[in-house]
Amino acid sequence: MERKAVNPWDWSIKLGYNQAEVIDGATRQVICAGQTAVDGEGNPQHPGDMRAQISLALDNLEAVLTDAGMDLSNVVKLGVYVTDVDEALKNFDLMGMRFGPHQVAPPMTLLGVARLAIPGLLFEIEATAAA
């Protein structure tokens, strides 16, 4: 699979994502459900702690991708839902720490929402991956 970044402007690159990517040669896709800060039994973890919830949600996303035979380098699109955009952005360095080593900056949408499906959850991330 080959990826070509599309960025008519460079402002989004500074924020860690491309405006678009052209994907060539992919033969397989994985569409991931939103991942949150839950344990293996589906119990919410880290109440009130956005940073810890982002970290665990990313752990869970990586676990799903690994089970599908992929990793973060295969992610071609992200959707992020948060109950507090400002607090999430303060902790978005975690996104760079996880995606940076893979040298990818997938196109992303960040939305502020009133709440997530399970009370107490602050952050949810969904992904599309390709290989």
Protein backbone atom coordinates (compact mmCIF):
# COMPACT_ATOMS: atom_id res chain seq x y z
CA MET A 1 0.00 0.00 0.00
CA GLU A 2 1.22 3.49 -0.83
CA ARG A 3 0.03 6.71 0.81
CA LYS A 4 0.31 10.18 -0.65
CA ALA A 5 -0.51 13.14 1.56
CA VAL A 6 -2.76 15.84 0.11
CA ASN A 7 -2.33 19.20 1.85
CA PRO A 8 -3.21 22.31 -0.15
CA TRP A 9 -2.31 24.18 3.07
CA ASP A 10 0.19 23.16 5.74
CA TRP A 11 -1.67 24.22 8.89
CA SER A 12 -3.10 20.75 9.58
CA ILE A 13 0.32 19.11 9.35
CA LYS A 14 1.35 21.21 12.37
CA LEU A 15 -1.63 19.72 14.21
CA GLY A 16 -0.64 16.15 13.29
CA TYR A 17 -2.93 15.24 10.42
CA ASN A 18 -3.20 15.47 6.63
CA GLN A 19 -6.18 17.06 4.88
CA ALA A 20 -6.47 13.91 2.77
CA GLU A 21 -4.47 10.92 1.63
CA VAL A 22 -4.48 9.06 -1.66
CA ILE A 23 -4.24 5.34 -0.93
CA ASP A 24 -2.98 3.07 -3.72
CA GLY A 25 -2.50 -0.68 -3.69
CA ALA A 26 -4.59 -1.49 -0.61
CA THR A 27 -6.29 -4.86 -0.80
CA ARG A 28 -7.78 -5.10 2.68
CA GLN A 29 -9.68 -2.70 4.96
CA VAL A 30 -10.56 -2.81 8.63
CA ILE A 31 -13.32 -0.56 9.95
CA CYS A 32 -12.92 -0.19 13.72
CA ALA A 33 -15.77 0.66 16.06
CA GLY A 34 -15.17 3.53 18.43
CA GLN A 35 -12.66 2.60 21.12
CA THR A 36 -12.91 4.06 24.59
CA ALA A 37 -11.29 3.76 28.01
CA VAL A 38 -12.82 0.44 29.02
CA ASP A 39 -11.21 -2.70 30.38
CA GLY A 40 -11.52 -6.18 28.87
CA GLU A 41 -14.96 -6.56 30.46
CA GLY A 42 -16.25 -3.28 29.03
CA ASN A 43 -16.05 -1.41 32.33
CA PRO A 44 -15.19 2.32 32.11
CA GLN A 45 -11.79 3.24 33.53
CA HIS A 46 -10.14 6.48 34.74
CA PRO A 47 -13.21 8.60 35.58
CA GLY A 48 -12.59 12.31 35.06
CA ASP A 49 -9.06 11.79 33.67
CA MET A 50 -8.99 12.75 29.98
CA ARG A 51 -5.29 11.92 29.55
CA ALA A 52 -5.62 8.42 30.99
CA GLN A 53 -8.77 7.81 28.95
CA ILE A 54 -7.06 8.86 25.70
CA SER A 55 -4.14 6.56 26.49
CA LEU A 56 -6.36 3.54 27.23
CA ALA A 57 -8.57 4.19 24.19
CA LEU A 58 -5.43 4.21 22.02
CA ASP A 59 -4.28 0.97 23.70
CA ASN A 60 -7.65 -0.55 22.84
CA LEU A 61 -7.47 0.69 19.25
CA GLU A 62 -4.01 -0.86 18.90
CA ALA A 63 -5.33 -4.15 20.32
CA VAL A 64 -8.15 -4.25 17.75
CA LEU A 65 -5.75 -3.47 14.91
CA THR A 66 -3.26 -6.09 16.11
CA ASP A 67 -6.01 -8.70 16.24
CA ALA A 68 -6.80 -7.78 12.61
CA GLY A 69 -3.14 -8.14 11.59
CA MET A 70 -2.48 -4.40 11.36
CA ASP A 71 -1.06 -1.55 13.46
CA LEU A 72 -1.29 2.23 13.67
CA SER A 73 0.75 2.59 10.47
CA ASN A 74 -2.26 1.17 8.59
CA VAL A 75 -4.73 3.79 9.86
CA VAL A 76 -5.99 5.95 6.99
CA LYS A 77 -8.86 7.82 8.73
CA LEU A 78 -9.72 8.78 12.31
CA GLY A 79 -12.88 10.04 13.95
CA VAL A 80 -12.51 11.39 17.48
CA TYR A 81 -15.40 12.24 19.79
CA VAL A 82 -14.81 14.07 23.08
CA THR A 83 -16.94 15.59 25.80
CA ASP A 84 -14.45 18.48 26.28
CA VAL A 85 -12.56 19.60 23.18
CA ASP A 86 -10.21 21.94 25.04
CA GLU A 87 -9.20 19.26 27.55
CA ALA A 88 -8.71 16.71 24.77
CA LEU A 89 -6.50 19.10 22.78
CA LYS A 90 -4.33 19.69 25.86
CA ASN A 91 -3.58 15.96 25.77
CA PHE A 92 -3.30 15.42 22.02
CA ASP A 93 0.46 15.01 22.38
CA LEU A 94 -0.51 11.39 23.14
CA MET A 95 -1.77 11.05 19.57
CA GLY A 96 1.60 12.22 18.25
CA MET A 97 3.44 9.86 20.58
CA ARG A 98 1.48 6.92 19.21
CA PHE A 99 1.22 7.79 15.51
CA GLY A 100 4.54 9.65 15.15
CA PRO A 101 6.80 6.57 15.33
CA HIS A 102 4.76 5.07 12.47
CA GLN A 103 5.33 8.25 10.42
CA VAL A 104 1.64 8.60 9.56
CA ALA A 105 -0.72 11.53 9.99
CA PRO A 106 -4.13 10.15 9.02
CA PRO A 107 -6.93 12.54 8.09
CA MET A 108 -8.97 13.15 11.23
CA THR A 109 -12.19 14.71 12.42
CA LEU A 110 -12.51 15.87 16.05
CA LEU A 111 -16.02 16.49 17.37
CA GLY A 112 -17.23 17.77 20.72
CA VAL A 113 -20.27 15.85 21.95
CA ALA A 114 -22.62 16.22 24.91
CA ARG A 115 -21.83 12.69 26.10
CA LEU A 116 -20.66 9.29 24.92
CA ALA A 117 -22.61 6.01 25.07
CA ILE A 118 -21.37 5.03 28.53
CA PRO A 119 -21.61 7.70 31.24
CA GLY A 120 -18.21 8.82 32.49
CA LEU A 121 -16.38 8.25 29.23
CA LEU A 122 -14.71 11.39 27.87
CA PHE A 123 -12.94 10.21 24.69
CA GLU A 124 -13.75 7.84 21.81
CA ILE A 125 -11.69 7.12 18.71
CA GLU A 126 -12.75 5.21 15.60
CA ALA A 127 -10.45 4.27 12.76
CA THR A 128 -10.35 2.94 9.24
CA ALA A 129 -7.22 0.99 8.39
CA ALA A 130 -5.98 -0.43 5.10
CA ALA A 131 -3.22 -2.74 3.97
